[in-house]
Amino acid sequence: MFLIEVEKKEDITDAEGKELTDSISEMGFKVKDIKVSQLYFIEGKINKKVISKISKELLTDPVIERFKIYTSKYPSIKNFPFQWEVIKTLHKGVTDNTGETTLKAIKAMGIKNIYSITTGKRFMFDSNLTEKEIKNISLKILSNPIIESVSIRRCKK
């Protein structure tokens, strides 16, 4: 299994992250910054070279985005400058239209042996929020608990 994370380049404004930061701050929570990235969980008999091709040619706009490839279910938090990470994914059994469309596009590229693609989002918080506050924000603002799951990791104290 491979995980591809697509994020804005450092000199590009993360509009979704800024909008979330403003919305959460308006609710009375102190948040310095939130960065948002798109996640693609890809399963199949493929190698890193193929994953890199998919990332470059299909999933990333090279002018404003960059990608990272992981061979684990979760992105690395080594040298992570944020205090909290929230990962949002669809519950099993919920149709992932983005994943299905991505799979069709990959097949159109002539790439075979990919069995499934699921997608998610990663929210990285630069904030001294408590775990209870992060859970509250995750369930009320970042996700729809009826169809989505969230996992929360504290990265820095």
Protein backbone atom coordinates (compact mmCIF):
# COMPACT_ATOMS: atom_id res chain seq x y z
CA MET A 1 0.00 0.00 0.00
CA PHE A 2 1.14 3.50 -0.82
CA LEU A 3 -0.04 6.80 0.53
CA ILE A 4 0.35 9.93 -1.57
CA GLU A 5 0.01 13.29 0.17
CA VAL A 6 -0.57 16.34 -2.03
CA GLU A 7 -0.03 19.73 -0.40
CA LYS A 8 0.44 23.35 -1.42
CA LYS A 9 4.00 24.53 -1.93
CA GLU A 10 5.30 26.74 0.88
CA ASP A 11 5.04 29.97 -1.12
CA ILE A 12 1.40 29.26 -2.10
CA THR A 13 -1.50 30.26 0.14
CA ASP A 14 -3.47 27.31 1.47
CA ALA A 15 -6.92 28.89 0.99
CA GLU A 16 -8.79 25.98 2.59
CA GLY A 17 -6.49 26.06 5.61
CA LYS A 18 -6.83 29.83 5.95
CA GLU A 19 -10.63 29.63 5.75
CA LEU A 20 -10.68 26.93 8.45
CA THR A 21 -8.28 28.92 10.63
CA ASP A 22 -10.55 31.98 10.37
CA SER A 23 -13.75 29.97 11.03
CA ILE A 24 -12.34 28.17 14.05
CA SER A 25 -10.85 31.40 15.44
CA GLU A 26 -14.27 33.08 15.10
CA MET A 27 -15.65 30.31 17.34
CA GLY A 28 -13.30 31.46 20.10
CA PHE A 29 -10.51 28.91 19.65
CA LYS A 30 -6.95 30.17 19.35
CA VAL A 31 -5.47 28.77 16.15
CA LYS A 32 -2.34 30.19 14.52
CA ASP A 33 -2.49 28.18 11.32
CA ILE A 34 -4.05 25.11 9.69
CA LYS A 35 -2.59 23.37 6.66
CA VAL A 36 -4.70 21.00 4.60
CA SER A 37 -3.49 18.27 2.27
CA GLN A 38 -5.22 15.67 0.11
CA LEU A 39 -4.48 11.98 0.76
CA TYR A 40 -4.66 9.07 -1.70
CA PHE A 41 -4.41 5.53 -0.29
CA ILE A 42 -3.47 3.24 -3.18
CA GLU A 43 -3.50 -0.54 -3.02
CA GLY A 44 -2.14 -2.82 -5.71
CA LYS A 45 0.88 -4.57 -7.13
CA ILE A 46 2.87 -1.51 -8.14
CA ASN A 47 6.21 0.03 -7.29
CA LYS A 48 7.35 3.46 -6.16
CA LYS A 49 8.30 4.46 -9.72
CA VAL A 50 4.69 3.95 -10.87
CA ILE A 51 3.36 5.79 -7.82
CA SER A 52 5.69 8.69 -8.57
CA LYS A 53 4.42 8.80 -12.19
CA ILE A 54 0.80 8.87 -10.98
CA SER A 55 1.63 11.62 -8.50
CA LYS A 56 3.44 13.79 -11.05
CA GLU A 57 1.19 13.29 -14.05
CA LEU A 58 -2.26 13.03 -12.47
CA LEU A 59 -2.57 14.09 -8.85
CA THR A 60 -0.38 17.16 -8.54
CA ASP A 61 -0.40 20.60 -10.15
CA PRO A 62 3.38 21.18 -10.27
CA VAL A 63 3.02 24.96 -10.27
CA ILE A 64 1.33 25.16 -6.87
CA GLU A 65 1.59 21.70 -5.29
CA ARG A 66 4.10 19.08 -4.24
CA PHE A 67 3.64 15.47 -3.23
CA LYS A 68 5.11 13.02 -0.75
CA ILE A 69 4.96 9.25 -1.00
CA TYR A 70 4.69 7.02 2.07
CA THR A 71 4.64 3.25 2.37
CA SER A 72 2.55 3.33 5.54
CA LYS A 73 -1.06 4.12 6.35
CA TYR A 74 -0.18 7.43 8.02
CA PRO A 75 2.03 10.32 6.92
CA SER A 76 5.22 10.84 8.85
CA ILE A 77 5.26 13.29 11.74
CA LYS A 78 9.05 13.25 12.03
CA ASN A 79 10.25 16.89 12.23
CA PHE A 80 6.58 17.90 12.15
CA PRO A 81 6.16 21.62 12.99
CA PHE A 82 2.49 21.31 14.02
CA GLN A 83 0.97 20.36 17.37
CA TRP A 84 -1.96 18.30 16.08
CA GLU A 85 -2.80 16.18 13.07
CA VAL A 86 -6.32 15.15 12.09
CA ILE A 87 -6.87 12.68 9.27
CA LYS A 88 -10.34 12.40 7.79
CA THR A 89 -11.46 9.42 5.68
CA LEU A 90 -14.76 7.96 4.57
CA HIS A 91 -16.27 5.08 6.57
CA LYS A 92 -15.91 1.67 4.94
CA GLY A 93 -18.84 1.10 2.62
CA VAL A 94 -19.30 4.77 1.73
CA THR A 95 -18.72 5.40 -1.97
CA ASP A 96 -15.52 7.34 -2.56
CA ASN A 97 -16.28 9.15 -5.82
CA THR A 98 -12.89 10.86 -5.90
CA GLY A 99 -11.14 7.53 -5.40
CA GLU A 100 -13.20 5.84 -8.13
CA THR A 101 -12.57 8.68 -10.59
CA THR A 102 -8.84 8.63 -9.79
CA LEU A 103 -8.75 4.87 -10.38
CA LYS A 104 -10.43 5.30 -13.78
CA ALA A 105 -7.93 8.02 -14.74
CA ILE A 106 -5.00 5.82 -13.72
CA LYS A 107 -6.34 2.97 -15.83
CA ALA A 108 -6.70 5.42 -18.75
CA MET A 109 -2.97 6.14 -18.32
CA GLY A 110 -2.38 2.44 -19.07
CA ILE A 111 -1.39 1.58 -15.50
CA LYS A 112 -2.69 -1.77 -14.28
CA ASN A 113 -2.61 -3.79 -11.06
CA ILE A 114 -4.20 -1.15 -8.85
CA TYR A 115 -7.02 -2.65 -6.82
CA SER A 116 -8.41 0.30 -4.92
CA ILE A 117 -7.97 3.96 -4.17
CA THR A 118 -9.48 5.72 -1.20
CA THR A 119 -9.04 9.36 -0.37
CA GLY A 120 -8.91 11.53 2.68
CA LYS A 121 -7.69 14.83 4.04
CA ARG A 122 -5.00 15.74 6.49
CA PHE A 123 -5.44 18.81 8.71
CA MET A 124 -2.34 20.07 10.54
CA PHE A 125 -2.94 22.47 13.42
CA ASP A 126 -0.50 25.05 14.72
CA SER A 127 -2.34 25.63 17.97
CA ASN A 128 -2.22 24.87 21.67
CA LEU A 129 -5.73 23.41 21.67
CA THR A 130 -6.57 20.61 24.06
CA GLU A 131 -7.40 17.12 22.85
CA LYS A 132 -11.05 17.70 23.78
CA GLU A 133 -11.13 20.91 21.68
CA ILE A 134 -9.49 19.16 18.70
CA LYS A 135 -12.03 16.32 18.92
CA ASN A 136 -14.88 18.83 19.09
CA ILE A 137 -13.58 20.76 16.06
CA SER A 138 -12.94 17.51 14.15
CA LEU A 139 -16.45 16.18 14.68
CA LYS A 140 -18.34 19.46 14.23
CA ILE A 141 -16.35 21.34 11.57
CA LEU A 142 -13.89 19.09 9.76
CA SER A 143 -16.05 16.02 9.20
CA ASN A 144 -19.50 14.56 8.84
CA PRO A 145 -19.49 11.74 11.45
CA ILE A 146 -22.31 9.94 9.63
CA ILE A 147 -20.04 9.11 6.68
CA GLU A 148 -16.52 10.08 7.81
CA SER A 149 -14.01 8.96 10.43
CA VAL A 150 -11.28 11.06 11.99
CA SER A 151 -8.04 10.03 13.63
CA ILE A 152 -6.21 12.51 15.82
CA ARG A 153 -2.51 12.51 16.72
CA ARG A 154 -0.74 14.90 19.05
CA CYS A 155 2.58 15.77 17.44
CA LYS A 156 4.17 18.34 19.74
CA LYS A 157 3.43 19.54 23.23
